[in-house]
C-alpha atoms as a PDB file:
ATOM      1  CA  GLY A   1      -7.107 -12.364  20.894  1.00  0.00           C
ATOM      2  CA  ALA A   2      -3.975 -13.075  22.217  1.00  0.00           C
ATOM      3  CA  PRO A   3      -0.423 -10.344  22.059  1.00  0.00           C
ATOM      4  CA  GLY A   4       0.848 -10.527  18.054  1.00  0.00           C
ATOM      5  CA  SER A   5      -2.978 -12.627  17.761  1.00  0.00           C
ATOM      6  CA  TYR A   6      -5.290  -9.995  17.086  1.00  0.00           C
ATOM      7  CA  THR A   7      -8.688 -10.044  14.818  1.00  0.00           C
ATOM      8  CA  PHE A   8     -10.073  -6.739  13.722  1.00  0.00           C
ATOM      9  CA  PRO A   9     -13.721  -5.447  12.938  1.00  0.00           C
ATOM     10  CA  VAL A  10     -12.261  -3.284  10.096  1.00  0.00           C
ATOM     11  CA  THR A  11     -16.331  -1.452   8.648  1.00  0.00           C
ATOM     12  CA  VAL A  12     -15.533   0.205   5.775  1.00  0.00           C
ATOM     13  CA  SER A  13     -17.854   2.723   3.566  1.00  0.00           C
ATOM     14  CA  SER A  14     -17.022   3.028  -0.043  1.00  0.00           C
ATOM     15  CA  PRO A  15     -18.068   4.267  -3.822  1.00  0.00           C
ATOM     16  CA  ASP A  16     -18.545   0.784  -5.048  1.00  0.00           C
ATOM     17  CA  THR A  17     -20.357   0.766  -8.450  1.00  0.00           C
ATOM     18  CA  GLY A  18     -19.813  -3.772  -9.105  1.00  0.00           C
ATOM     19  CA  CYS A  19     -16.216  -5.166 -10.176  1.00  0.00           C
ATOM     20  CA  ASP A  20     -15.419  -2.254 -12.664  1.00  0.00           C
ATOM     21  CA  HIS A  21     -14.662  -0.577  -8.977  1.00  0.00           C
ATOM     22  CA  TYR A  22     -14.703  -1.314  -5.975  1.00  0.00           C
ATOM     23  CA  ALA A  23     -12.834  -2.160  -1.916  1.00  0.00           C
ATOM     24  CA  ASP A  24     -10.483  -4.849  -3.270  1.00  0.00           C
ATOM     25  CA  TRP A  25      -9.128  -5.213   0.586  1.00  0.00           C
ATOM     26  CA  TRP A  26      -8.613  -3.216   3.824  1.00  0.00           C
ATOM     27  CA  ALA A  27      -5.206  -3.249   5.944  1.00  0.00           C
ATOM     28  CA  VAL A  28      -3.387  -2.600   9.491  1.00  0.00           C
ATOM     29  CA  LEU A  29       0.417  -0.755   9.167  1.00  0.00           C
ATOM     30  CA  SER A  30       2.756  -0.111  11.547  1.00  0.00           C
ATOM     31  CA  GLU A  31       2.792   3.654  12.188  1.00  0.00           C
ATOM     32  CA  SER A  32       5.738   3.698   9.365  1.00  0.00           C
ATOM     33  CA  GLY A  33       3.684   1.965   7.097  1.00  0.00           C
ATOM     34  CA  ASP A  34       4.218  -1.622   6.927  1.00  0.00           C
ATOM     35  CA  LEU A  35       2.016  -4.023   6.440  1.00  0.00           C
ATOM     36  CA  LEU A  36       1.337  -5.971   9.654  1.00  0.00           C
ATOM     37  CA  TYR A  37      -1.707  -7.499   7.827  1.00  0.00           C
ATOM     38  CA  ARG A  38      -4.007  -7.825   4.468  1.00  0.00           C
ATOM     39  CA  ARG A  39      -7.656  -8.901   4.009  1.00  0.00           C
ATOM     40  CA  LEU A  40      -8.787  -9.572   1.186  1.00  0.00           C
ATOM     41  CA  LEU A  41     -12.369  -8.690  -0.054  1.00  0.00           C
ATOM     42  CA  LEU A  42     -13.171 -11.146  -2.847  1.00  0.00           C
ATOM     43  CA  HIS A  43     -16.246  -8.885  -4.188  1.00  0.00           C
ATOM     44  CA  SER A  44     -18.003  -5.966  -4.274  1.00  0.00           C
ATOM     45  CA  HIS A  45     -20.379  -4.608  -1.814  1.00  0.00           C
ATOM     46  CA  VAL A  46     -23.129  -2.026  -3.893  1.00  0.00           C
ATOM     47  CA  ASP A  47     -25.574  -2.730  -1.767  1.00  0.00           C
ATOM     48  CA  GLU A  48     -23.962  -3.280   1.828  1.00  0.00           C
ATOM     49  CA  GLN A  49     -22.815   0.631   3.041  1.00  0.00           C
ATOM     50  CA  PRO A  50     -20.750   0.690   4.558  1.00  0.00           C
ATOM     51  CA  PHE A  51     -20.196  -2.847   5.866  1.00  0.00           C
ATOM     52  CA  THR A  52     -17.824  -4.593   8.051  1.00  0.00           C
ATOM     53  CA  SER A  53     -14.833  -7.520   7.321  1.00  0.00           C
ATOM     54  CA  THR A  54     -12.851  -9.174  10.654  1.00  0.00           C
ATOM     55  CA  GLY A  55      -9.951 -10.829   9.980  1.00  0.00           C
ATOM     56  CA  GLY A  56      -6.767 -11.173  11.371  1.00  0.00           C
ATOM     57  CA  HIS A  57      -4.316 -12.354  12.935  1.00  0.00           C
ATOM     58  CA  VAL A  58      -2.611  -9.112  13.249  1.00  0.00           C
ATOM     59  CA  ASP A  59       0.846  -9.289  14.977  1.00  0.00           C
ATOM     60  CA  ALA A  60       0.453  -6.563  17.082  1.00  0.00           C
ATOM     61  CA  ARG A  61       0.849  -5.389  20.967  1.00  0.00           C
ATOM     62  CA  ARG A  62      -1.735  -3.870  22.765  1.00  0.00           C
ATOM     63  CA  ASP A  63      -0.558  -0.820  23.138  1.00  0.00           C
ATOM     64  CA  GLU A  64       0.520  -1.015  20.110  1.00  0.00           C
ATOM     65  CA  THR A  65      -0.249   2.561  17.396  1.00  0.00           C
ATOM     66  CA  VAL A  66      -1.624   1.356  13.928  1.00  0.00           C
ATOM     67  CA  ILE A  67      -3.727   2.754  11.011  1.00  0.00           C
ATOM     68  CA  ALA A  68      -6.327   0.614   9.190  1.00  0.00           C
ATOM     69  CA  ARG A  69      -7.347   1.946   5.867  1.00  0.00           C
ATOM     70  CA  SER A  70      -8.783   0.614   3.211  1.00  0.00           C
ATOM     71  CA  HIS A  71      -7.976   0.032  -1.022  1.00  0.00           C
ATOM     72  CA  MET A  72     -10.241   0.684  -4.078  1.00  0.00           C
ATOM     73  CA  ASN A  73      -9.110  -1.864  -7.086  1.00  0.00           C
ATOM     74  CA  LEU A  74      -8.040   0.453  -9.243  1.00  0.00           C
ATOM     75  CA  ALA A  75      -4.900   1.697  -6.756  1.00  0.00           C
ATOM     76  CA  SER A  76      -6.485   4.350  -5.020  1.00  0.00           C
ATOM     77  CA  TYR A  77      -6.942   4.652  -1.214  1.00  0.00           C
ATOM     78  CA  GLY A  78     -10.088   6.039   0.596  1.00  0.00           C
ATOM     79  CA  GLY A  79      -9.535   9.309   2.068  1.00  0.00           C
ATOM     80  CA  VAL A  80     -10.277   8.652   6.118  1.00  0.00           C
ATOM     81  CA  ALA A  81      -8.297   6.449   7.624  1.00  0.00           C
ATOM     82  CA  MET A  82      -7.904   4.870  11.729  1.00  0.00           C
ATOM     83  CA  ARG A  83      -5.244   5.447  13.509  1.00  0.00           C
ATOM     84  CA  GLY A  84      -5.003   3.742  17.409  1.00  0.00           C
ATOM     85  CA  SER A  85      -4.550   1.019  19.469  1.00  0.00           C
ATOM     86  CA  LEU A  86      -6.221  -1.432  20.944  1.00  0.00           C
ATOM     87  CA  ILE A  87      -5.878  -0.416  24.514  1.00  0.00           C
ATOM     88  CA  ASP A  88      -6.779   3.619  23.856  1.00  0.00           C
ATOM     89  CA  GLY A  89      -9.525   2.524  20.493  1.00  0.00           C
ATOM     90  CA  PHE A  90      -9.067   4.278  17.045  1.00  0.00           C
ATOM     91  CA  ASN A  91      -9.807   7.706  15.512  1.00  0.00           C
ATOM     92  CA  SER A  92     -10.324   8.497  12.349  1.00  0.00           C
ATOM     93  CA  VAL A  93      -7.176  10.399  10.543  1.00  0.00           C
ATOM     94  CA  ILE A  94      -6.157  11.787   6.879  1.00  0.00           C
ATOM     95  CA  LEU A  95      -3.186   9.737   6.535  1.00  0.00           C
ATOM     96  CA  THR A  96       0.423  11.701   4.799  1.00  0.00           C
ATOM     97  CA  THR A  97       0.833  11.561   0.866  1.00  0.00           C
ATOM     98  CA  GLY A  98       3.366   8.269   1.019  1.00  0.00           C
ATOM     99  CA  PHE A  99       1.992   5.919   3.633  1.00  0.00           C
ATOM    100  CA  GLY A 100       2.976   3.344   2.934  1.00  0.00           C
ATOM    101  CA  ASP A 101       3.978   3.034  -0.484  1.00  0.00           C
ATOM    102  CA  GLY A 102       4.987  -0.018  -1.770  1.00  0.00           C
ATOM    103  CA  VAL A 103       2.333  -1.812   0.232  1.00  0.00           C
ATOM    104  CA  GLU A 104      -0.231  -2.284  -2.923  1.00  0.00           C
ATOM    105  CA  THR A 105       2.800  -4.425  -4.750  1.00  0.00           C
ATOM    106  CA  ILE A 106       3.091  -6.339  -1.567  1.00  0.00           C
ATOM    107  CA  ALA A 107       1.193 -10.234  -1.861  1.00  0.00           C
ATOM    108  CA  GLN A 108      -1.480 -11.841  -0.954  1.00  0.00           C
ATOM    109  CA  LEU A 109      -2.932  -9.496  -3.297  1.00  0.00           C
ATOM    110  CA  PRO A 110      -6.924 -10.289  -4.722  1.00  0.00           C
ATOM    111  CA  ASP A 111      -6.786 -12.127  -8.644  1.00  0.00           C
ATOM    112  CA  GLY A 112     -10.576 -10.999  -9.265  1.00  0.00           C
ATOM    113  CA  CYS A 113     -13.997  -9.982  -7.737  1.00  0.00           C
ATOM    114  CA  ALA A 114     -16.354 -12.438  -7.734  1.00  0.00           C
ATOM    115  CA  PHE A 115     -19.795  -9.950  -7.664  1.00  0.00           C
END
């Protein structure tokens, strides 16, 4: 991608059981917790674990540190996120409680699960 328009392939491992409990989106956030991009996941991935989903255009610089994390439809986040930059690569990180609070209320949000 080009500066301000990068795509991200994100691999998610989630305890999906069907539409009652599934990863419904992943997001790229700034280091301060601001939403840069959200990729909606419109169905569960019960038999596809882990799975990779690509999304973008993410408004970030190549050297900007960002956080990628997934969200479960029951309003919870996965325990591990990825932190890094396009230049330096990414490493797993445990986020502090409250990181990115409010992101789950910003539109565009999923409105259902196909299967």
